[in-house]
Structure formats: structure tokens, C-alpha cells
Amino acid sequence: MLPEVVSTDAEGYKSVDYSKLTPLLIEAVKELKAQNEELKGELKAQDEAKQAQIEALQARIEALESNSIQSITLKHNQGQGV
């Protein structure tokens, strides 16, 4: 996978030059950090959208409850001849 870091000696033994892995690992970490930041941004946007939906639903519930209370009060008052 990374032939540039593996060498073979005269007897056929393989060895790894770990110092050559450092730049590759640094780049991999940078890429993962960028992906992580992007995903955090997406999650924040989704959270904000969900919060907006929750607030809109709460407003609708409050309006429905208010209308229900007014309707019940009106029917109650009509039944009492007020």
C-alpha cells in the first residue's frame, strides 16, 4: 500500500522506515480534521433547523390551545344564556 516506506534487505527481510510515515499521517490528520469540521457545521445547521421546527410547532400548539379555550368558554357562556 505504501511501497515507498518498505524496503527489503539482501537477505529478503522487510523493514519499514517509519520516518517516511510522519508526513502521510500529518496529512491524514488534516483531512480528518477538515471532515470533522464540515460534519460539525452540518450538525449545527440541522440542530438549528430542528429547533426552528420545534418552535413553530410550539407556537401552533399554543394557538390551538388558545382557540380551544376560547371555543369552550364561548359554548359555556352560550349555554348559560350570557
Protein backbone atom coordinates (compact mmCIF):
# COMPACT_ATOMS: atom_id res chain seq x y z
CA MET A 1 0.00 0.00 0.00
CA LEU A 2 2.91 2.34 0.75
CA PRO A 3 5.85 0.77 -1.04
CA GLU A 4 7.98 3.88 -0.52
CA VAL A 5 8.22 3.16 3.24
CA VAL A 6 9.07 -0.54 2.90
CA SER A 7 12.49 -1.79 1.96
CA THR A 8 13.96 -5.26 1.51
CA ASP A 9 17.49 -6.11 2.55
CA ALA A 10 19.90 -8.51 0.81
CA GLU A 11 18.53 -11.45 2.78
CA GLY A 12 14.92 -10.69 1.84
CA TYR A 13 13.88 -9.20 5.18
CA LYS A 14 11.39 -6.40 5.01
CA SER A 15 11.63 -3.24 7.10
CA VAL A 16 9.56 -0.11 7.48
CA ASP A 17 11.00 3.41 7.51
CA TYR A 18 8.56 4.96 9.96
CA SER A 19 10.01 8.44 9.49
CA LYS A 20 8.50 8.44 6.00
CA LEU A 21 5.07 7.80 7.50
CA THR A 22 5.03 11.04 9.50
CA PRO A 23 4.14 13.40 6.61
CA LEU A 24 1.45 10.98 5.42
CA LEU A 25 -0.03 10.76 8.90
CA ILE A 26 0.01 14.53 9.29
CA GLU A 27 -1.91 14.93 6.02
CA ALA A 28 -4.38 12.25 7.07
CA VAL A 29 -5.00 14.06 10.36
CA LYS A 30 -5.52 17.36 8.50
CA GLU A 31 -8.05 15.71 6.18
CA LEU A 32 -9.89 14.13 9.10
CA LYS A 33 -9.97 17.45 10.93
CA ALA A 34 -11.43 19.16 7.87
CA GLN A 35 -14.07 16.44 7.53
CA ASN A 36 -14.84 16.71 11.23
CA GLU A 37 -15.32 20.48 10.98
CA GLU A 38 -17.57 20.05 7.96
CA LEU A 39 -19.70 17.49 9.80
CA LYS A 40 -19.91 19.74 12.84
CA GLY A 41 -21.20 22.52 10.60
CA GLU A 42 -23.80 20.22 9.08
CA LEU A 43 -24.93 19.05 12.52
CA LYS A 44 -25.21 22.63 13.74
CA ALA A 45 -27.35 23.55 10.74
CA GLN A 46 -29.55 20.51 11.31
CA ASP A 47 -29.89 21.36 15.00
CA GLU A 48 -30.88 24.93 14.16
CA ALA A 49 -33.46 23.70 11.64
CA LYS A 50 -34.89 21.24 14.17
CA GLN A 51 -35.05 23.97 16.82
CA ALA A 52 -36.92 26.23 14.39
CA GLN A 53 -39.38 23.40 13.68
CA ILE A 54 -39.90 22.81 17.39
CA GLU A 55 -40.56 26.49 18.00
CA ALA A 56 -43.04 26.62 15.11
CA LEU A 57 -44.85 23.55 16.44
CA GLN A 58 -44.96 25.03 19.93
CA ALA A 59 -46.49 28.20 18.53
CA ARG A 60 -49.11 26.14 16.67
CA ILE A 61 -49.93 24.17 19.83
CA GLU A 62 -50.32 27.38 21.82
CA ALA A 63 -52.61 28.81 19.13
CA LEU A 64 -54.70 25.63 19.07
CA GLU A 65 -54.94 25.57 22.84
CA SER A 66 -55.96 29.23 22.90
CA ASN A 67 -58.62 28.62 20.25
CA SER A 68 -59.89 25.58 22.14
CA ILE A 69 -60.17 27.52 25.40
CA GLN A 70 -61.99 30.37 23.63
CA SER A 71 -64.34 27.90 21.95
CA ILE A 72 -65.10 26.12 25.23
CA THR A 73 -65.65 29.44 27.00
CA LEU A 74 -67.95 30.65 24.23
CA LYS A 75 -70.00 27.42 24.30
CA HIS A 76 -70.17 27.57 28.08
CA ASN A 77 -71.34 31.17 28.00
CA GLN A 78 -73.92 30.41 25.29
CA GLY A 79 -75.25 27.52 27.34
CA GLN A 80 -75.74 29.79 30.30
CA GLY A 81 -77.51 32.41 28.26
CA VAL A 82 -74.83 35.04 28.76
